[in-house]
Amino acid sequence: GSKLVYTASDDNFANTQLYLVDLSDPGMSIRLNGDLAEFGAVSQAGFQFTPDGAHVVYTAGEIEAKFELYAVDISTPGQSVRLNASGGSVGDTHEGRFQILPDSLRVVYSAVWKNSGVRELHMVSLDQPGKPTTLNAPLQPAGYVFDFTISPDGRYVSYTADQVTDGKAEVFVVDTSKPGISTGISGAV
């Protein structure tokens, strides 16, 4: 509760950067994110502290291009690490959803990665960036994870996807310790 994170354009308005300010020293902010491509941006809707307050997880990318998922230890500003796998994309600023598990070590996010055009649910550990695990069971060829939420204890993730029938959304639940094994808990809607 003693620190605040916000986005703002840099001095030449070419990039939207992520800044940290300690509320005990207002007016003195530190840029958190690593270097961005020209006209790159940190998503204004996609950043948050881990529950322990040690890291900030955020999405960033080039404007009108695909965004990726990053984390930065607030004790080493500017030294961000990409969390999603190489070749993957968490989507644009509207699709780049993620949630941090209560353990402050793992992040769940939806992304197109291994299967072109298929948005799946992945989990990555902050201590193993770039090495996510796919949580959902296999989806339809053009499948899509629409939404997801994490249980308060971080053990389960429920998600909505057209996993069984293309174009028919259903709700599933997966144990984070048993990726790829999900249980349907609703009929198609």
Protein backbone atom coordinates (compact mmCIF):
# COMPACT_ATOMS: atom_id res chain seq x y z
CA GLY A 1 0.00 0.00 0.00
CA SER A 2 2.97 2.35 0.06
CA LYS A 3 3.70 2.27 -3.68
CA LEU A 4 1.71 3.18 -6.77
CA VAL A 5 2.17 2.09 -10.39
CA TYR A 6 0.88 4.09 -13.37
CA THR A 7 1.40 4.51 -17.11
CA ALA A 8 2.37 7.74 -18.85
CA SER A 9 3.91 8.86 -22.12
CA ASP A 10 7.65 9.37 -22.02
CA ASP A 11 9.31 12.75 -22.65
CA ASN A 12 9.02 12.59 -26.44
CA PHE A 13 5.53 10.96 -26.40
CA ALA A 14 6.81 8.02 -28.47
CA ASN A 15 6.12 5.35 -25.86
CA THR A 16 3.75 4.67 -22.99
CA GLN A 17 5.92 3.60 -20.05
CA LEU A 18 5.23 2.02 -16.64
CA TYR A 19 6.27 4.04 -13.59
CA LEU A 20 6.53 3.36 -9.86
CA VAL A 21 6.26 6.01 -7.16
CA ASP A 22 6.76 5.52 -3.43
CA LEU A 23 3.99 7.47 -1.70
CA SER A 24 6.44 8.56 1.01
CA ASP A 25 8.34 10.46 -1.73
CA PRO A 26 5.68 11.79 -4.14
CA GLY A 27 6.95 13.39 -7.31
CA MET A 28 9.90 11.00 -7.64
CA SER A 29 8.93 8.23 -10.04
CA ILE A 30 11.03 5.41 -11.51
CA ARG A 31 10.44 3.78 -14.89
CA LEU A 32 9.81 0.06 -14.25
CA ASN A 33 9.56 -1.49 -17.72
CA GLY A 34 12.51 -2.39 -19.90
CA ASP A 35 13.13 -0.69 -23.24
CA LEU A 36 10.22 -0.70 -25.67
CA ALA A 37 10.22 -0.72 -29.46
CA GLU A 38 9.64 2.67 -31.09
CA PHE A 39 5.98 3.57 -30.53
CA GLY A 40 5.70 0.69 -28.06
CA ALA A 41 3.30 0.82 -25.16
CA VAL A 42 2.61 -0.70 -21.80
CA SER A 43 -1.09 -1.57 -21.82
CA GLN A 44 -3.02 0.86 -19.68
CA ALA A 45 -5.36 -1.94 -18.63
CA GLY A 46 -2.79 -4.66 -18.11
CA PHE A 47 -0.56 -4.20 -15.05
CA GLN A 48 -0.71 -5.18 -11.38
CA PHE A 49 1.41 -5.95 -8.33
CA THR A 50 1.94 -9.54 -7.23
CA PRO A 51 0.18 -10.17 -3.88
CA ASP A 52 3.52 -9.95 -2.03
CA GLY A 53 4.24 -6.57 -3.68
CA ALA A 54 7.68 -7.64 -4.94
CA HIS A 55 6.91 -7.67 -8.68
CA VAL A 56 4.70 -5.92 -11.19
CA VAL A 57 3.26 -8.00 -14.04
CA TYR A 58 2.20 -6.15 -17.18
CA THR A 59 1.47 -6.44 -20.90
CA ALA A 60 3.37 -4.39 -23.46
CA GLY A 61 4.05 -4.32 -27.18
CA GLU A 62 4.06 -2.21 -30.27
CA ILE A 63 0.99 -0.09 -30.90
CA GLU A 64 -1.51 -1.96 -33.11
CA ALA A 65 0.60 -5.13 -32.84
CA LYS A 66 0.43 -8.05 -30.48
CA PHE A 67 1.27 -7.62 -26.83
CA GLU A 68 3.38 -9.88 -24.62
CA LEU A 69 3.41 -10.57 -20.87
CA TYR A 70 6.25 -9.23 -18.70
CA ALA A 71 7.29 -9.09 -15.04
CA VAL A 72 9.69 -6.77 -13.28
CA ASP A 73 11.10 -7.04 -9.77
CA ILE A 74 10.52 -3.58 -8.27
CA SER A 75 13.97 -3.76 -6.61
CA THR A 76 15.56 -3.85 -10.11
CA PRO A 77 13.55 -1.40 -12.25
CA GLY A 78 14.13 -1.57 -16.01
CA GLN A 79 15.07 -5.27 -15.92
CA SER A 80 11.83 -6.82 -17.16
CA VAL A 81 11.53 -10.44 -18.27
CA ARG A 82 9.09 -11.72 -20.89
CA LEU A 83 6.87 -14.38 -19.29
CA ASN A 84 5.01 -15.78 -22.30
CA ALA A 85 6.78 -18.17 -24.66
CA SER A 86 8.71 -16.96 -27.67
CA GLY A 87 6.44 -16.86 -30.69
CA GLY A 88 3.35 -16.43 -28.55
CA SER A 89 1.21 -13.37 -28.05
CA VAL A 90 -1.19 -12.48 -25.27
CA GLY A 91 -3.15 -10.44 -27.80
CA ASP A 92 -3.86 -6.79 -28.14
CA THR A 93 -4.68 -4.46 -25.27
CA HIS A 94 -8.20 -5.89 -25.00
CA GLU A 95 -7.26 -9.58 -25.07
CA GLY A 96 -4.12 -9.42 -22.94
CA ARG A 97 -5.73 -10.75 -19.79
CA PHE A 98 -3.82 -12.32 -16.95
CA GLN A 99 -4.28 -13.10 -13.26
CA ILE A 100 -1.61 -13.65 -10.63
CA LEU A 101 -2.02 -16.62 -8.31
CA PRO A 102 -2.05 -15.93 -4.54
CA ASP A 103 1.43 -17.48 -4.18
CA SER A 104 2.86 -14.44 -6.07
CA LEU A 105 4.96 -16.87 -8.16
CA ARG A 106 2.65 -17.94 -10.98
CA VAL A 107 0.62 -16.10 -13.58
CA VAL A 108 -2.32 -17.48 -15.59
CA TYR A 109 -3.01 -15.89 -18.97
CA SER A 110 -4.75 -16.61 -22.25
CA ALA A 111 -2.72 -16.55 -25.46
CA VAL A 112 -2.28 -17.91 -28.95
CA TRP A 113 0.94 -19.90 -28.82
CA LYS A 114 1.46 -23.46 -30.08
CA ASN A 115 -1.74 -23.80 -32.12
CA SER A 116 -2.15 -20.98 -34.63
CA GLY A 117 -5.48 -19.20 -34.18
CA VAL A 118 -6.35 -21.10 -30.99
CA ARG A 119 -6.46 -18.99 -27.81
CA GLU A 120 -5.60 -21.26 -24.89
CA LEU A 121 -5.08 -20.93 -21.16
CA HIS A 122 -1.48 -20.98 -19.90
CA MET A 123 0.36 -20.74 -16.58
CA VAL A 124 3.94 -19.53 -16.13
CA SER A 125 6.17 -19.21 -13.10
CA LEU A 126 8.10 -16.00 -12.46
CA ASP A 127 11.20 -18.11 -11.79
CA GLN A 128 10.87 -19.88 -15.17
CA PRO A 129 9.92 -17.11 -17.63
CA GLY A 130 9.19 -18.15 -21.20
CA LYS A 131 8.29 -21.72 -20.18
CA PRO A 132 4.50 -21.79 -19.78
CA THR A 133 2.29 -24.83 -19.29
CA THR A 134 -1.03 -25.11 -21.14
CA LEU A 135 -3.79 -25.60 -18.56
CA ASN A 136 -6.84 -26.37 -20.70
CA ALA A 137 -7.61 -29.72 -22.28
CA PRO A 138 -7.36 -29.76 -26.11
CA LEU A 139 -9.74 -27.33 -27.80
CA GLN A 140 -11.54 -27.46 -31.14
CA PRO A 141 -9.35 -26.59 -34.20
CA ALA A 142 -10.46 -22.95 -34.03
CA GLY A 143 -11.04 -23.06 -30.25
CA TYR A 144 -10.96 -20.06 -28.00
CA VAL A 145 -10.74 -19.54 -24.24
CA PHE A 146 -13.15 -16.67 -23.75
CA ASP A 147 -12.73 -15.92 -20.07
CA PHE A 148 -11.20 -17.37 -16.91
CA THR A 149 -10.98 -16.86 -13.16
CA ILE A 150 -8.84 -18.30 -10.37
CA SER A 151 -10.17 -19.75 -7.13
CA PRO A 152 -9.24 -17.74 -4.01
CA ASP A 153 -6.69 -20.37 -2.92
CA GLY A 154 -5.15 -20.53 -6.42
CA ARG A 155 -5.69 -24.26 -6.80
CA TYR A 156 -8.33 -24.17 -9.55
CA VAL A 157 -8.92 -22.14 -12.68
CA SER A 158 -12.36 -22.08 -14.24
CA TYR A 159 -12.64 -21.04 -17.85
CA THR A 160 -15.17 -20.66 -20.63
CA ALA A 161 -14.24 -22.16 -24.00
CA ASP A 162 -15.58 -23.96 -27.04
CA GLN A 163 -13.59 -27.02 -26.04
CA VAL A 164 -16.12 -29.74 -26.95
CA THR A 165 -18.18 -28.17 -29.75
CA ASP A 166 -16.89 -25.42 -32.03
CA GLY A 167 -18.77 -22.18 -31.38
CA LYS A 168 -20.53 -23.52 -28.26
CA ALA A 169 -19.10 -22.10 -25.05
CA GLU A 170 -19.00 -24.25 -21.93
CA VAL A 171 -17.49 -23.78 -18.47
CA PHE A 172 -14.61 -26.01 -17.39
CA VAL A 173 -12.42 -26.27 -14.32
CA VAL A 174 -8.78 -27.38 -14.14
CA ASP A 175 -6.57 -28.10 -11.13
CA THR A 176 -3.35 -26.05 -11.54
CA SER A 177 -1.36 -29.09 -10.38
CA LYS A 178 -2.92 -31.24 -13.15
CA PRO A 179 -2.67 -29.20 -16.37
CA GLY A 180 -4.48 -30.51 -19.46
CA ILE A 181 -7.11 -32.38 -17.43
CA SER A 182 -10.29 -30.36 -17.20
CA THR A 183 -13.83 -31.11 -16.12
CA GLY A 184 -16.91 -29.63 -17.81
CA ILE A 185 -19.23 -28.06 -15.28
CA SER A 186 -21.92 -26.69 -17.60
CA GLY A 187 -23.70 -27.49 -20.83
CA ALA A 188 -23.13 -25.56 -24.03
CA VAL A 189 -24.51 -22.03 -24.14
